Protein backbone atom coordinates (compact mmCIF):
# COMPACT_ATOMS: atom_id res chain seq x y z
CA UNK A 1 0.00 0.00 0.00
CA UNK A 2 2.84 2.40 0.80
CA UNK A 3 4.35 1.82 -2.61
CA UNK A 4 1.00 2.48 -4.32
CA UNK A 5 0.49 5.69 -2.34
CA UNK A 6 3.98 6.88 -3.32
CA UNK A 7 3.18 6.29 -7.01
CA UNK A 8 -0.01 8.33 -6.65
CA UNK A 9 1.72 11.10 -4.66
CA UNK A 10 4.54 11.40 -7.18
CA UNK A 11 2.05 11.90 -10.02
CA UNK A 12 3.19 8.84 -11.97
CA UNK A 13 -0.41 7.72 -12.34
CA UNK A 14 -3.44 9.84 -13.23
CA UNK A 15 -6.49 8.84 -11.20
CA UNK A 16 -8.85 11.50 -12.58
CA UNK A 17 -10.58 9.05 -14.97
CA UNK A 18 -11.81 7.23 -11.85
CA UNK A 19 -13.67 10.32 -10.58
CA UNK A 20 -17.32 10.31 -11.53
CA UNK A 21 -18.70 13.06 -9.29
CA UNK A 22 -17.23 16.03 -7.46
CA UNK A 23 -18.94 17.45 -4.41
CA UNK A 24 -17.73 19.84 -1.74
CA UNK A 25 -18.13 18.75 1.87
CA UNK A 26 -21.20 20.93 2.30
CA UNK A 27 -22.84 19.09 -0.64
CA UNK A 28 -22.18 15.59 0.72
CA UNK A 29 -25.84 14.84 1.51
CA UNK A 30 -26.75 15.71 -2.09
CA UNK A 31 -23.94 13.44 -3.30
CA UNK A 32 -25.20 10.49 -1.27
CA UNK A 33 -28.72 10.99 -2.62
CA UNK A 34 -27.39 11.03 -6.17
CA UNK A 35 -25.34 7.86 -5.68
CA UNK A 36 -28.27 6.05 -4.06
CA UNK A 37 -30.49 6.87 -7.02
CA UNK A 38 -28.06 5.71 -9.71
CA UNK A 39 -28.16 2.09 -10.87
CA UNK A 40 -25.18 -0.01 -9.82
CA UNK A 41 -22.50 -0.56 -12.46
CA UNK A 42 -22.18 -4.15 -13.64
C-alpha atoms as a PDB file:
ATOM      1  CA  UNK A   1       0.000   0.000   0.000  1.00  0.00           C
ATOM      2  CA  UNK A   2       2.842   2.401   0.795  1.00  0.00           C
ATOM      3  CA  UNK A   3       4.345   1.818  -2.613  1.00  0.00           C
ATOM      4  CA  UNK A   4       1.002   2.476  -4.315  1.00  0.00           C
ATOM      5  CA  UNK A   5       0.487   5.689  -2.341  1.00  0.00           C
ATOM      6  CA  UNK A   6       3.979   6.878  -3.324  1.00  0.00           C
ATOM      7  CA  UNK A   7       3.185   6.286  -7.012  1.00  0.00           C
ATOM      8  CA  UNK A   8      -0.006   8.332  -6.652  1.00  0.00           C
ATOM      9  CA  UNK A   9       1.723  11.098  -4.665  1.00  0.00           C
ATOM     10  CA  UNK A  10       4.540  11.404  -7.181  1.00  0.00           C
ATOM     11  CA  UNK A  11       2.048  11.899 -10.020  1.00  0.00           C
ATOM     12  CA  UNK A  12       3.190   8.838 -11.970  1.00  0.00           C
ATOM     13  CA  UNK A  13      -0.414   7.723 -12.340  1.00  0.00           C
ATOM     14  CA  UNK A  14      -3.442   9.841 -13.234  1.00  0.00           C
ATOM     15  CA  UNK A  15      -6.494   8.841 -11.201  1.00  0.00           C
ATOM     16  CA  UNK A  16      -8.847  11.503 -12.585  1.00  0.00           C
ATOM     17  CA  UNK A  17     -10.576   9.047 -14.972  1.00  0.00           C
ATOM     18  CA  UNK A  18     -11.814   7.234 -11.848  1.00  0.00           C
ATOM     19  CA  UNK A  19     -13.675  10.318 -10.583  1.00  0.00           C
ATOM     20  CA  UNK A  20     -17.324  10.306 -11.529  1.00  0.00           C
ATOM     21  CA  UNK A  21     -18.699  13.059  -9.287  1.00  0.00           C
ATOM     22  CA  UNK A  22     -17.230  16.031  -7.464  1.00  0.00           C
ATOM     23  CA  UNK A  23     -18.945  17.453  -4.410  1.00  0.00           C
ATOM     24  CA  UNK A  24     -17.730  19.843  -1.740  1.00  0.00           C
ATOM     25  CA  UNK A  25     -18.135  18.747   1.866  1.00  0.00           C
ATOM     26  CA  UNK A  26     -21.197  20.934   2.304  1.00  0.00           C
ATOM     27  CA  UNK A  27     -22.837  19.090  -0.636  1.00  0.00           C
ATOM     28  CA  UNK A  28     -22.183  15.592   0.720  1.00  0.00           C
ATOM     29  CA  UNK A  29     -25.843  14.843   1.513  1.00  0.00           C
ATOM     30  CA  UNK A  30     -26.747  15.707  -2.086  1.00  0.00           C
ATOM     31  CA  UNK A  31     -23.942  13.436  -3.301  1.00  0.00           C
ATOM     32  CA  UNK A  32     -25.204  10.489  -1.265  1.00  0.00           C
ATOM     33  CA  UNK A  33     -28.724  10.989  -2.617  1.00  0.00           C
ATOM     34  CA  UNK A  34     -27.388  11.027  -6.168  1.00  0.00           C
ATOM     35  CA  UNK A  35     -25.343   7.857  -5.683  1.00  0.00           C
ATOM     36  CA  UNK A  36     -28.271   6.053  -4.057  1.00  0.00           C
ATOM     37  CA  UNK A  37     -30.494   6.874  -7.016  1.00  0.00           C
ATOM     38  CA  UNK A  38     -28.055   5.707  -9.708  1.00  0.00           C
ATOM     39  CA  UNK A  39     -28.158   2.087 -10.866  1.00  0.00           C
ATOM     40  CA  UNK A  40     -25.178  -0.010  -9.823  1.00  0.00           C
ATOM     41  CA  UNK A  41     -22.499  -0.562 -12.457  1.00  0.00           C
ATOM     42  CA  UNK A  42     -22.177  -4.153 -13.635  1.00  0.00           C
END
